[in-house]
Amino acid sequence: MKALPGKTVERLSQYRRALASVLAANKDYIFSHELAAMLHITAVQVRRDLMLIGYGSVMRKGYDVRELINTIGSIIDAPDGLNVAIVGMGNLGRAIAGYFRDRRTNMTVVAAFDVDPRKTDRVVAGVRCYDISQLRRLREELDIVVAVLAVPADQAVATASRLVSDGIRGIMNFTTVPLNVPDTVYLEEFDMITYIEKVAYFVKENQPPDFRPGKNAC
């Protein structure tokens, strides 16, 4: 299978979480329009995404919920899981650690890193926190491939450079600073201020409740 578009991967992850709640409600089949309604997108978009991964519905019954969950997992999950580190254990880093701890995902937070001696060499938010100077050694020992970057903005560029040089292959950037990384490193950036301002703009414009900007983008 060819690499999927990033937006498709995002929606597959959302489908799986939605389907898990459907399964928990003891429902075995779901139609595309029902799944679409849960995520505020179109049924056409759902069918298009699932066609990309070679999955179809059962006539008059819809999609087999359990089977579809497993199919999505086989597409987007690494077979043996992935190990993650959180870099920066301030309020945001601790919140992210707690979020991971409360959810069963294919990724495991195996370490955290900081420069504050009050946080290092101890367990913070359920994760063992180390000084950033130990990153290269522990990346190799613990097979860490993804880093969640939650450091102050003035440390973002230097810390990201260190992550790249120490062998991290994927970075989720939660800082407000845009980063440049080599093509060999996958970078995803989430600027909460931008998204909050986007919400505020559409509230200001008094958009109707059923308007979901960007939800239907491919």
Protein backbone atom coordinates (compact mmCIF):
# COMPACT_ATOMS: atom_id res chain seq x y z
CA MET A 1 0.00 0.00 0.00
CA LYS A 2 1.22 3.51 -0.83
CA ALA A 3 1.75 5.95 2.02
CA LEU A 4 -1.57 7.49 3.02
CA PRO A 5 -2.20 11.26 3.04
CA GLY A 6 -1.65 12.80 6.46
CA LYS A 7 -5.27 13.95 6.79
CA THR A 8 -6.45 10.41 6.03
CA VAL A 9 -4.26 9.02 8.80
CA GLU A 10 -5.71 11.60 11.20
CA ARG A 11 -9.24 10.58 10.32
CA LEU A 12 -8.45 6.85 10.60
CA SER A 13 -7.25 7.49 14.15
CA GLN A 14 -10.49 9.37 14.86
CA TYR A 15 -12.56 6.59 13.29
CA ARG A 16 -10.93 4.01 15.53
CA ARG A 17 -11.67 5.97 18.69
CA ALA A 18 -15.25 6.55 17.61
CA LEU A 19 -15.66 2.88 16.73
CA ALA A 20 -14.34 1.86 20.15
CA SER A 21 -17.18 3.79 21.77
CA VAL A 22 -19.65 2.13 19.39
CA LEU A 23 -18.30 -1.29 20.30
CA ALA A 24 -18.56 -0.43 24.01
CA ALA A 25 -22.26 0.27 23.40
CA ASN A 26 -22.63 -3.33 22.12
CA LYS A 27 -23.22 -2.32 18.52
CA ASP A 28 -21.58 -4.65 15.98
CA TYR A 29 -22.20 -2.79 12.70
CA ILE A 30 -22.21 0.84 11.66
CA PHE A 31 -23.08 2.65 8.43
CA SER A 32 -20.83 5.30 6.88
CA HIS A 33 -23.36 8.06 7.55
CA GLU A 34 -23.49 7.13 11.25
CA LEU A 35 -19.71 7.22 11.59
CA ALA A 36 -19.60 10.47 9.62
CA ALA A 37 -22.15 12.09 11.94
CA MET A 38 -20.01 11.24 14.96
CA LEU A 39 -17.06 13.14 13.48
CA HIS A 40 -18.95 15.96 11.72
CA ILE A 41 -17.77 14.96 8.25
CA THR A 42 -19.53 13.50 5.21
CA ALA A 43 -20.35 9.86 4.54
CA VAL A 44 -18.57 10.27 1.20
CA GLN A 45 -15.38 11.17 3.05
CA VAL A 46 -15.68 8.11 5.29
CA ARG A 47 -16.20 5.77 2.34
CA ARG A 48 -13.31 7.38 0.45
CA ASP A 49 -10.92 6.92 3.37
CA LEU A 50 -11.90 3.30 3.94
CA MET A 51 -11.62 2.52 0.25
CA LEU A 52 -8.01 3.76 0.43
CA ILE A 53 -7.23 1.02 2.95
CA GLY A 54 -9.19 -1.57 0.98
CA TYR A 55 -12.10 -1.93 3.36
CA GLY A 56 -15.75 -2.18 2.31
CA SER A 57 -19.09 -2.55 4.06
CA VAL A 58 -21.42 -5.55 4.27
CA MET A 59 -24.53 -4.91 2.19
CA ARG A 60 -27.50 -3.78 4.32
CA LYS A 61 -25.48 -4.16 7.52
CA GLY A 62 -22.76 -1.53 7.22
CA TYR A 63 -19.20 -1.91 8.50
CA ASP A 64 -18.24 -4.63 10.96
CA VAL A 65 -17.10 -2.48 13.90
CA ARG A 66 -14.63 -4.89 15.47
CA GLU A 67 -13.15 -5.89 12.12
CA LEU A 68 -12.77 -2.27 11.06
CA ILE A 69 -11.01 -1.37 14.32
CA ASN A 70 -8.54 -4.20 13.70
CA THR A 71 -8.05 -3.20 10.07
CA ILE A 72 -7.29 0.40 10.97
CA GLY A 73 -4.86 -0.80 13.63
CA SER A 74 -3.02 -2.98 11.13
CA ILE A 75 -2.61 0.05 8.86
CA ILE A 76 -1.57 2.86 11.21
CA ASP A 77 0.08 1.03 14.12
CA ALA A 78 3.65 -0.19 14.23
CA PRO A 79 3.61 -4.00 14.73
CA ASP A 80 5.63 -3.86 17.94
CA GLY A 81 4.54 -0.42 19.10
CA LEU A 82 6.65 2.71 19.37
CA ASN A 83 8.47 4.22 22.35
CA VAL A 84 7.97 7.92 23.05
CA ALA A 85 9.79 10.49 25.17
CA ILE A 86 8.37 13.75 26.49
CA VAL A 87 10.89 16.57 26.43
CA GLY A 88 10.02 19.33 28.86
CA MET A 89 8.12 18.39 32.00
CA GLY A 90 6.41 21.65 32.83
CA ASN A 91 2.63 21.85 33.15
CA LEU A 92 2.07 20.89 29.52
CA GLY A 93 4.54 18.00 29.56
CA ARG A 94 2.97 16.57 32.70
CA ALA A 95 -0.51 16.90 31.20
CA ILE A 96 0.61 15.03 28.08
CA ALA A 97 2.16 12.28 30.21
CA GLY A 98 -1.12 11.89 32.08
CA TYR A 99 -3.07 11.79 28.82
CA PHE A 100 -0.94 8.92 27.53
CA ARG A 101 -1.15 7.06 30.83
CA ASP A 102 -4.95 7.03 30.80
CA ARG A 103 -5.26 5.68 27.25
CA ARG A 104 -4.31 2.39 25.66
CA THR A 105 -2.42 3.26 22.49
CA ASN A 106 0.22 1.65 20.34
CA MET A 107 2.73 4.11 21.79
CA THR A 108 4.39 3.97 25.20
CA VAL A 109 5.95 6.90 27.02
CA VAL A 110 9.14 5.34 28.35
CA ALA A 111 11.03 8.45 29.51
CA ALA A 112 10.86 12.18 30.04
CA PHE A 113 13.65 14.76 29.87
CA ASP A 114 14.21 18.19 31.39
CA VAL A 115 17.02 20.52 32.47
CA ASP A 116 15.50 21.42 35.85
CA PRO A 117 17.29 19.47 38.62
CA ARG A 118 14.09 19.61 40.67
CA LYS A 119 12.44 17.33 38.09
CA THR A 120 15.24 15.05 36.97
CA ASP A 121 16.21 11.73 38.55
CA ARG A 122 12.69 11.16 39.78
CA VAL A 123 9.25 10.11 38.59
CA VAL A 124 7.14 13.00 37.31
CA ALA A 125 3.51 12.43 36.30
CA GLY A 126 4.14 8.69 36.26
CA VAL A 127 7.19 8.89 33.99
CA ARG A 128 10.86 8.65 34.95
CA CYS A 129 12.46 12.02 34.18
CA TYR A 130 16.12 12.33 33.17
CA ASP A 131 18.48 15.18 32.49
CA ILE A 132 18.52 16.06 28.80
CA SER A 133 22.23 15.22 28.70
CA GLN A 134 21.25 11.53 28.91
CA LEU A 135 19.03 11.68 25.83
CA ARG A 136 21.40 10.00 23.35
CA ARG A 137 22.21 7.09 25.68
CA LEU A 138 18.61 6.45 26.67
CA ARG A 139 17.32 6.85 23.14
CA GLU A 140 19.49 3.88 22.19
CA GLU A 141 18.84 1.85 25.33
CA LEU A 142 15.05 2.34 25.33
CA ASP A 143 14.66 2.46 21.53
CA ILE A 144 12.94 5.87 21.65
CA VAL A 145 11.87 6.96 18.17
CA VAL A 146 9.34 9.76 18.82
CA ALA A 147 9.67 12.85 21.00
CA VAL A 148 6.94 15.18 22.21
CA LEU A 149 8.46 18.64 22.48
CA ALA A 150 6.94 20.72 25.28
CA VAL A 151 9.77 23.07 26.24
CA PRO A 152 9.61 26.88 26.57
CA ALA A 153 9.59 28.68 23.23
CA ASP A 154 13.11 30.09 23.62
CA GLN A 155 14.48 26.54 23.94
CA ALA A 156 12.52 24.95 21.10
CA VAL A 157 14.99 25.30 18.21
CA ALA A 158 18.06 24.18 20.17
CA THR A 159 16.21 21.27 21.77
CA ALA A 160 14.79 20.11 18.43
CA SER A 161 18.27 20.21 16.93
CA ARG A 162 19.49 18.03 19.76
CA LEU A 163 16.65 15.55 19.27
CA VAL A 164 17.54 15.21 15.60
CA SER A 165 21.27 14.79 16.23
CA ASP A 166 20.57 12.19 18.92
CA GLY A 167 18.58 10.03 16.52
CA ILE A 168 14.92 10.88 17.14
CA ARG A 169 12.90 10.08 14.00
CA GLY A 170 9.62 11.86 14.74
CA ILE A 171 8.81 15.06 16.64
CA MET A 172 5.46 16.35 17.86
CA ASN A 173 6.05 20.05 18.45
CA PHE A 174 3.77 21.61 21.08
CA THR A 175 5.73 24.86 21.22
CA THR A 176 4.70 28.04 19.42
CA VAL A 177 7.95 28.10 17.42
CA PRO A 178 7.96 26.66 13.86
CA LEU A 179 10.80 24.18 13.42
CA ASN A 180 12.96 23.07 10.51
CA VAL A 181 14.13 19.47 10.53
CA PRO A 182 15.75 17.18 7.94
CA ASP A 183 13.55 15.25 5.54
CA THR A 184 14.47 12.07 7.41
CA VAL A 185 12.58 13.30 10.51
CA TYR A 186 8.79 13.53 10.52
CA LEU A 187 7.57 16.75 12.15
CA GLU A 188 4.05 17.54 13.29
CA GLU A 189 3.34 20.95 14.82
CA PHE A 190 0.45 21.84 17.09
CA ASP A 191 0.16 25.50 18.03
CA MET A 192 -2.66 25.78 20.56
CA ILE A 193 -2.77 29.57 20.32
CA THR A 194 -3.47 29.35 16.59
CA TYR A 195 -6.32 26.89 17.11
CA ILE A 196 -7.83 28.88 19.97
CA GLU A 197 -7.71 32.04 17.84
CA LYS A 198 -9.35 30.10 15.00
CA VAL A 199 -12.19 29.09 17.34
CA ALA A 200 -12.48 32.68 18.58
CA TYR A 201 -12.66 34.00 15.01
CA PHE A 202 -15.57 31.74 14.02
CA VAL A 203 -17.36 32.54 17.27
CA LYS A 204 -16.91 36.23 16.47
CA GLU A 205 -18.30 35.67 12.98
CA ASN A 206 -21.32 33.98 14.60
CA GLN A 207 -21.13 30.85 12.46
CA PRO A 208 -24.06 28.42 12.88
CA PRO A 209 -23.44 25.39 15.16
CA ASP A 210 -23.29 22.94 12.24
CA PHE A 211 -20.39 24.82 10.59
CA ARG A 212 -17.15 22.91 11.02
CA PRO A 213 -14.34 24.73 9.19
CA GLY A 214 -11.78 22.33 7.74
CA LYS A 215 -13.54 19.16 8.87
CA ASN A 216 -14.27 17.99 5.36
CA ALA A 217 -10.85 18.71 3.89
CA CYS A 218 -9.18 15.76 2.18
